[in-house]
Amino acid sequence: MTKSVDDYLAELRPYIDRWAVATQEEREIRRRRATAAELKTFYEAIVPNLEDIIEVLNLLPLNEMPDNARLLMNLTLSLAEIAPPLPAMEVRSTRRVVPGRRRRVRMAAVAKGPQVP
């Protein structure tokens, strides 16, 4: 059973003030100012229900969308703004010892979650 707009907003309440912004410029500013941990937390909060959220929003005419639905839509747009950089931000350090050489530290990107082509 698909939840209502208000159900999804209740679940995402901690992210509304920061991420439910109306313009792409505001979303970009928020993304640039957020830490990797904040981006990841928001991503993990919204992605599990994303398909259902979009399904609910698609039932509403864009020109007549109620304010609560517009908030939810803005959260999904913020997700679209932050999602592409996330795999590149997941970085781990690997140590490799090569006989006869000094220890080297190599950085490798670790992709997690769905990949965007």
Protein backbone atom coordinates (compact mmCIF):
# COMPACT_ATOMS: atom_id res chain seq x y z
CA MET A 1 0.00 0.00 0.00
CA THR A 2 1.34 3.38 -1.01
CA LYS A 3 1.45 6.01 1.70
CA SER A 4 0.09 9.53 1.44
CA VAL A 5 2.11 12.70 0.88
CA ASP A 6 1.68 13.54 4.58
CA ASP A 7 2.96 10.09 5.61
CA TYR A 8 6.15 10.57 3.62
CA LEU A 9 6.58 14.12 4.95
CA ALA A 10 6.25 12.83 8.51
CA GLU A 11 9.03 10.31 7.87
CA LEU A 12 11.24 12.95 6.24
CA ARG A 13 10.45 15.77 8.70
CA PRO A 14 14.09 16.09 9.91
CA TYR A 15 15.16 16.99 6.35
CA ILE A 16 12.44 19.44 5.35
CA ASP A 17 13.99 22.67 6.64
CA ARG A 18 17.33 21.96 5.03
CA TRP A 19 16.43 20.17 1.81
CA ALA A 20 12.88 21.13 0.73
CA VAL A 21 14.01 24.28 -1.05
CA ALA A 22 12.32 25.68 -4.13
CA THR A 23 15.14 26.50 -6.53
CA GLN A 24 18.04 24.60 -8.08
CA GLU A 25 20.40 27.36 -6.92
CA GLU A 26 19.31 26.90 -3.29
CA ARG A 27 19.70 23.12 -3.60
CA GLU A 28 23.21 23.50 -5.01
CA ILE A 29 24.22 25.86 -2.20
CA ARG A 30 22.91 23.41 0.41
CA ARG A 31 24.72 20.53 -1.28
CA ARG A 32 28.02 22.40 -1.32
CA ARG A 33 27.71 23.36 2.35
CA ALA A 34 26.73 19.89 3.56
CA THR A 35 29.19 17.36 4.88
CA ALA A 36 29.52 13.96 3.25
CA ALA A 37 27.82 12.43 6.30
CA GLU A 38 24.84 14.80 5.99
CA LEU A 39 24.45 14.00 2.30
CA LYS A 40 24.63 10.29 2.95
CA THR A 41 22.08 10.45 5.78
CA PHE A 42 19.59 12.37 3.63
CA TYR A 43 20.18 10.01 0.70
CA GLU A 44 19.61 6.93 2.86
CA ALA A 45 16.43 8.42 4.34
CA ILE A 46 14.68 9.14 1.05
CA VAL A 47 15.93 6.54 -1.45
CA PRO A 48 14.10 3.48 -0.03
CA ASN A 49 10.73 5.13 -0.75
CA LEU A 50 11.68 7.13 -3.82
CA GLU A 51 9.70 5.14 -6.38
CA ASP A 52 6.55 5.26 -4.23
CA ILE A 53 7.02 8.98 -3.57
CA ILE A 54 7.30 9.68 -7.30
CA GLU A 55 4.22 7.53 -7.93
CA VAL A 56 2.21 9.59 -5.42
CA LEU A 57 3.47 12.90 -6.83
CA ASN A 58 2.70 11.85 -10.40
CA LEU A 59 -0.98 11.65 -9.46
CA LEU A 60 -1.05 15.40 -8.81
CA PRO A 61 -1.14 18.11 -11.49
CA LEU A 62 2.04 20.15 -11.28
CA ASN A 63 0.22 23.48 -11.71
CA GLU A 64 -2.20 22.70 -8.89
CA MET A 65 0.10 20.82 -6.52
CA PRO A 66 -0.76 21.45 -2.85
CA ASP A 67 1.95 22.93 -0.63
CA ASN A 68 2.61 19.67 1.21
CA ALA A 69 3.15 17.81 -2.08
CA ARG A 70 5.41 20.60 -3.33
CA LEU A 71 7.56 20.17 -0.20
CA LEU A 72 7.86 16.46 -0.96
CA MET A 73 8.67 17.19 -4.59
CA ASN A 74 11.39 19.64 -3.52
CA LEU A 75 12.91 16.94 -1.31
CA THR A 76 13.13 14.61 -4.32
CA LEU A 77 14.71 17.39 -6.39
CA SER A 78 17.30 17.89 -3.65
CA LEU A 79 18.03 14.18 -3.80
CA ALA A 80 18.61 14.51 -7.54
CA GLU A 81 21.04 17.34 -6.80
CA ILE A 82 23.09 15.40 -4.25
CA ALA A 83 22.96 11.85 -5.60
CA PRO A 84 25.50 12.03 -8.50
CA PRO A 85 28.48 13.13 -6.33
CA LEU A 86 27.87 10.54 -3.60
CA PRO A 87 29.77 7.58 -5.09
CA ALA A 88 32.80 9.79 -5.69
CA MET A 89 32.71 10.94 -2.07
CA GLU A 90 32.80 7.40 -0.67
CA VAL A 91 36.55 7.06 -0.38
CA ARG A 92 38.56 4.57 1.61
CA SER A 93 42.25 4.24 2.25
CA THR A 94 44.03 1.00 1.46
CA ARG A 95 47.55 0.28 2.61
CA ARG A 96 49.79 -1.92 0.53
CA VAL A 97 53.29 -2.98 1.47
CA VAL A 98 55.61 -3.69 -1.41
CA PRO A 99 58.77 -5.61 -0.42
CA GLY A 100 61.83 -3.36 -0.58
CA ARG A 101 59.77 -0.17 -0.86
CA ARG A 102 58.22 2.28 1.52
CA ARG A 103 54.60 1.80 2.45
CA ARG A 104 52.25 3.51 0.04
CA VAL A 105 48.78 4.76 0.73
CA ARG A 106 46.38 4.40 -2.14
CA MET A 107 42.96 6.06 -2.26
CA ALA A 108 40.17 4.21 -4.03
CA ALA A 109 36.62 5.32 -4.65
CA VAL A 110 34.06 2.89 -3.28
CA ALA A 111 30.70 2.98 -4.99
CA LYS A 112 27.71 2.19 -2.81
CA GLY A 113 24.05 2.18 -3.65
CA PRO A 114 22.49 2.52 -7.07
CA GLN A 115 24.78 3.80 -9.78
CA VAL A 116 23.77 6.64 -12.07
CA PRO A 117 25.08 6.13 -15.64
